[in-house]
């Protein structure tokens, strides 16, 4: 009888502990759920950060493939700064530090762009484009001219698809199947140039 009473008491205590733990878990779920909902509402209401692909994101958020940074807000994300991510397209201004998507080149620069941190103009690579210093040179292209005042003073390079007998500037890639044979000190607007021919 004593053992039965003791067993009942232990069972009662266990039920109470389980009930308390269950109540704590329920309260935690409500608190966490409410916080998450509040955070989601705040993110949707302001250009702070979104969790979907693209849109306004906090500094340090990974940039999806094919996306670039097109806007910057210093006060975003509670003062950490927020960035606007958008899919790349021909003729889009991007912020300094934005990735350059494969197949695109930089053709202009604006120091006051993107809230004062500088902006770059992205265009699809094409034959005969003046590109800014630091722009990628797509496969099969070479640089054949230089303009020191181009791209608002940072310098620009003329890119063309490689062909037999083209004079290329210093630093230009030499695509597979071609070689350099002669040098002209006056070429490439005085920087010097090499004659590129089929190998």
Protein backbone atom coordinates (compact mmCIF):
# COMPACT_ATOMS: atom_id res chain seq x y z
CA UNK A 1 0.00 0.00 0.00
CA UNK A 2 2.80 2.33 0.92
CA UNK A 3 4.62 1.46 -2.31
CA UNK A 4 1.46 2.09 -4.30
CA UNK A 5 0.99 5.48 -2.69
CA UNK A 6 4.63 6.34 -3.31
CA UNK A 7 4.30 5.23 -6.93
CA UNK A 8 1.23 7.39 -7.37
CA UNK A 9 3.02 10.38 -5.87
CA UNK A 10 6.01 9.90 -8.19
CA UNK A 11 3.68 9.60 -11.18
CA UNK A 12 1.87 12.78 -10.13
CA UNK A 13 5.17 14.66 -9.81
CA UNK A 14 6.24 13.40 -13.24
CA UNK A 15 2.95 14.57 -14.76
CA UNK A 16 3.42 18.01 -13.20
CA UNK A 17 7.02 18.26 -14.47
CA UNK A 18 5.89 17.19 -17.94
CA UNK A 19 3.11 19.78 -17.84
CA UNK A 20 5.56 22.51 -16.77
CA UNK A 21 8.02 21.51 -19.53
CA UNK A 22 5.18 21.45 -22.04
CA UNK A 23 4.06 24.93 -20.94
CA UNK A 24 7.62 26.28 -21.21
CA UNK A 25 7.99 24.77 -24.68
CA UNK A 26 4.67 26.28 -25.75
CA UNK A 27 5.65 29.73 -24.46
CA UNK A 28 9.03 29.50 -26.19
CA UNK A 29 7.33 28.59 -29.46
CA UNK A 30 4.99 31.56 -29.16
CA UNK A 31 7.85 33.95 -28.31
CA UNK A 32 10.13 32.70 -31.09
CA UNK A 33 7.26 32.62 -33.57
CA UNK A 34 6.20 36.12 -32.64
CA UNK A 35 9.77 37.40 -32.93
CA UNK A 36 10.22 35.78 -36.32
CA UNK A 37 6.92 37.21 -37.52
CA UNK A 38 7.88 40.65 -36.22
CA UNK A 39 11.26 40.45 -37.95
CA UNK A 40 9.63 39.38 -41.21
CA UNK A 41 7.09 42.22 -40.95
CA UNK A 42 9.87 44.76 -40.29
CA UNK A 43 11.92 43.48 -43.22
CA UNK A 44 8.93 43.70 -45.52
CA UNK A 45 8.09 47.22 -44.33
CA UNK A 46 11.55 48.73 -44.83
CA UNK A 47 14.42 48.28 -47.29
CA UNK A 48 16.45 46.48 -44.65
CA UNK A 49 16.83 42.85 -45.61
CA UNK A 50 14.80 40.19 -47.34
CA UNK A 51 15.31 36.47 -47.27
CA UNK A 52 14.24 35.79 -50.85
CA UNK A 53 16.56 35.98 -53.83
CA UNK A 54 17.33 39.57 -54.79
CA UNK A 55 15.86 42.72 -53.26
CA UNK A 56 17.34 44.64 -50.33
CA UNK A 57 19.81 42.58 -48.32
CA UNK A 58 22.15 43.22 -45.40
CA UNK A 59 25.89 43.64 -45.94
CA UNK A 60 27.57 40.26 -46.19
CA UNK A 61 24.59 38.47 -47.72
CA UNK A 62 25.74 36.17 -50.55
CA UNK A 63 25.00 37.48 -54.05
CA UNK A 64 23.26 34.83 -56.18
CA UNK A 65 24.82 33.90 -59.54
CA UNK A 66 23.68 36.30 -62.26
CA UNK A 67 22.87 39.10 -59.79
CA UNK A 68 24.60 42.43 -59.22
CA UNK A 69 24.44 45.19 -56.59
CA UNK A 70 22.58 48.24 -57.88
CA UNK A 71 21.82 50.30 -54.77
CA UNK A 72 23.27 51.05 -51.36
CA UNK A 73 21.64 52.48 -48.24
CA UNK A 74 24.00 53.40 -45.42
CA UNK A 75 21.27 53.39 -42.76
CA UNK A 76 19.88 50.02 -43.82
CA UNK A 77 20.00 46.93 -41.62
CA UNK A 78 20.14 49.01 -38.43
CA UNK A 79 23.17 50.99 -39.61
CA UNK A 80 25.15 48.05 -41.00
CA UNK A 81 24.19 49.06 -44.54
CA UNK A 82 21.93 47.34 -47.05
CA UNK A 83 22.41 46.50 -50.73
CA UNK A 84 19.90 46.12 -53.55
CA UNK A 85 20.46 42.89 -55.49
CA UNK A 86 19.04 42.66 -59.02
CA UNK A 87 19.48 40.32 -61.98
CA UNK A 88 22.14 41.57 -64.38
CA UNK A 89 21.04 43.00 -67.73
CA UNK A 90 22.63 44.87 -70.60
CA UNK A 91 23.02 48.54 -69.65
CA UNK A 92 22.75 48.45 -65.83
CA UNK A 93 24.62 50.64 -63.34
CA UNK A 94 26.15 48.64 -60.48
CA UNK A 95 27.80 49.64 -57.22
CA UNK A 96 31.53 49.46 -56.56
CA UNK A 97 32.28 45.99 -55.25
CA UNK A 98 29.51 44.33 -57.24
CA UNK A 99 30.46 41.17 -59.12
CA UNK A 100 30.91 41.38 -62.88
CA UNK A 101 28.85 38.63 -64.45
CA UNK A 102 30.53 36.49 -67.10
CA UNK A 103 29.94 37.85 -70.60
CA UNK A 104 29.71 41.46 -69.38
CA UNK A 105 32.22 44.32 -69.46
CA UNK A 106 32.43 47.71 -67.73
CA UNK A 107 32.04 50.64 -70.12
CA UNK A 108 31.62 53.69 -67.86
CA UNK A 109 32.25 54.95 -64.34
CA UNK A 110 30.46 57.51 -62.16
CA UNK A 111 32.23 58.44 -58.92
CA UNK A 112 29.06 59.88 -57.35
CA UNK A 113 26.93 56.86 -58.21
CA UNK A 114 25.45 54.35 -55.79
CA UNK A 115 25.05 56.81 -52.90
CA UNK A 116 28.58 58.14 -53.36
CA UNK A 117 30.58 54.90 -53.36
CA UNK A 118 30.88 54.84 -57.14
CA UNK A 119 28.97 53.06 -59.90
CA UNK A 120 29.99 51.07 -62.97
CA UNK A 121 28.04 50.61 -66.21
CA UNK A 122 27.66 46.95 -67.23
CA UNK A 123 27.12 46.00 -70.85
CA UNK A 124 27.25 42.74 -72.75
CA UNK A 125 30.63 42.26 -74.39
CA UNK A 126 30.64 43.30 -78.03
CA UNK A 127 33.21 43.87 -80.75
CA UNK A 128 34.57 47.42 -80.72
CA UNK A 129 33.67 48.52 -77.17
CA UNK A 130 35.63 50.99 -75.05
CA UNK A 131 35.93 49.42 -71.59
CA UNK A 132 37.10 50.85 -68.28
CA UNK A 133 40.42 49.97 -66.69
CA UNK A 134 39.90 46.81 -64.68
CA UNK A 135 37.08 45.51 -66.87
CA UNK A 136 37.31 41.83 -67.75
CA UNK A 137 38.44 40.89 -71.25
CA UNK A 138 36.17 38.11 -72.52
CA UNK A 139 37.66 35.01 -74.15
CA UNK A 140 38.58 35.64 -77.78
CA UNK A 141 38.96 39.41 -77.30
CA UNK A 142 42.08 41.60 -77.27
CA UNK A 143 42.76 45.25 -76.44
CA UNK A 144 43.96 47.43 -79.30
CA UNK A 145 43.69 51.02 -78.04
CA UNK A 146 43.99 53.08 -74.87
CA UNK A 147 42.48 56.39 -73.84
CA UNK A 148 43.78 57.80 -70.55
CA UNK A 149 40.84 60.20 -70.13
CA UNK A 150 38.23 57.51 -70.75
CA UNK A 151 35.74 56.26 -68.15
CA UNK A 152 35.69 59.66 -66.46
CA UNK A 153 39.44 59.76 -65.97
CA UNK A 154 40.29 56.23 -64.89
CA UNK A 155 41.27 55.18 -68.41
CA UNK A 156 39.64 52.99 -71.02
CA UNK A 157 40.71 50.21 -73.38
CA UNK A 158 39.35 49.31 -76.81
CA UNK A 159 38.32 45.66 -77.05
CA UNK A 160 37.88 43.76 -80.31
CA UNK A 161 37.56 40.12 -81.25
CA UNK A 162 40.97 38.75 -82.16
CA UNK A 163 41.86 38.50 -85.85
CA UNK A 164 45.01 37.88 -87.84
CA UNK A 165 47.24 40.95 -88.05
CA UNK A 166 45.79 43.00 -85.17
CA UNK A 167 48.08 45.19 -83.04
CA UNK A 168 47.49 44.56 -79.32
CA UNK A 169 48.24 46.71 -76.28
CA UNK A 170 50.43 45.82 -73.29
CA UNK A 171 48.62 43.43 -70.98
CA UNK A 172 46.25 42.22 -73.68
CA UNK A 173 45.63 38.48 -73.66
CA UNK A 174 46.84 36.50 -76.66
CA UNK A 175 44.10 33.95 -77.40
CA UNK A 176 44.92 30.34 -78.18
CA UNK A 177 46.02 29.87 -81.78
CA UNK A 178 47.69 33.31 -81.99
CA UNK A 179 51.16 34.67 -81.28
CA UNK A 180 52.94 38.04 -81.13
CA UNK A 181 55.64 38.70 -83.73
CA UNK A 182 56.59 42.40 -83.96
CA UNK A 183 56.67 45.40 -81.65
CA UNK A 184 55.76 49.03 -82.38
CA UNK A 185 56.71 51.54 -79.67
CA UNK A 186 54.17 54.07 -80.99
CA UNK A 187 51.25 51.64 -80.98
CA UNK A 188 48.32 51.65 -78.57
CA UNK A 189 48.39 55.44 -78.23
CA UNK A 190 52.09 55.47 -77.30
CA UNK A 191 52.06 52.55 -74.87
CA UNK A 192 53.52 50.18 -77.43
CA UNK A 193 51.84 47.39 -79.36
CA UNK A 194 52.53 43.86 -80.59
CA UNK A 195 51.49 42.40 -83.92
CA UNK A 196 49.28 39.41 -83.26
CA UNK A 197 49.02 36.75 -85.95
CA UNK A 198 47.71 33.24 -86.26
CA UNK A 199 50.15 30.69 -84.93
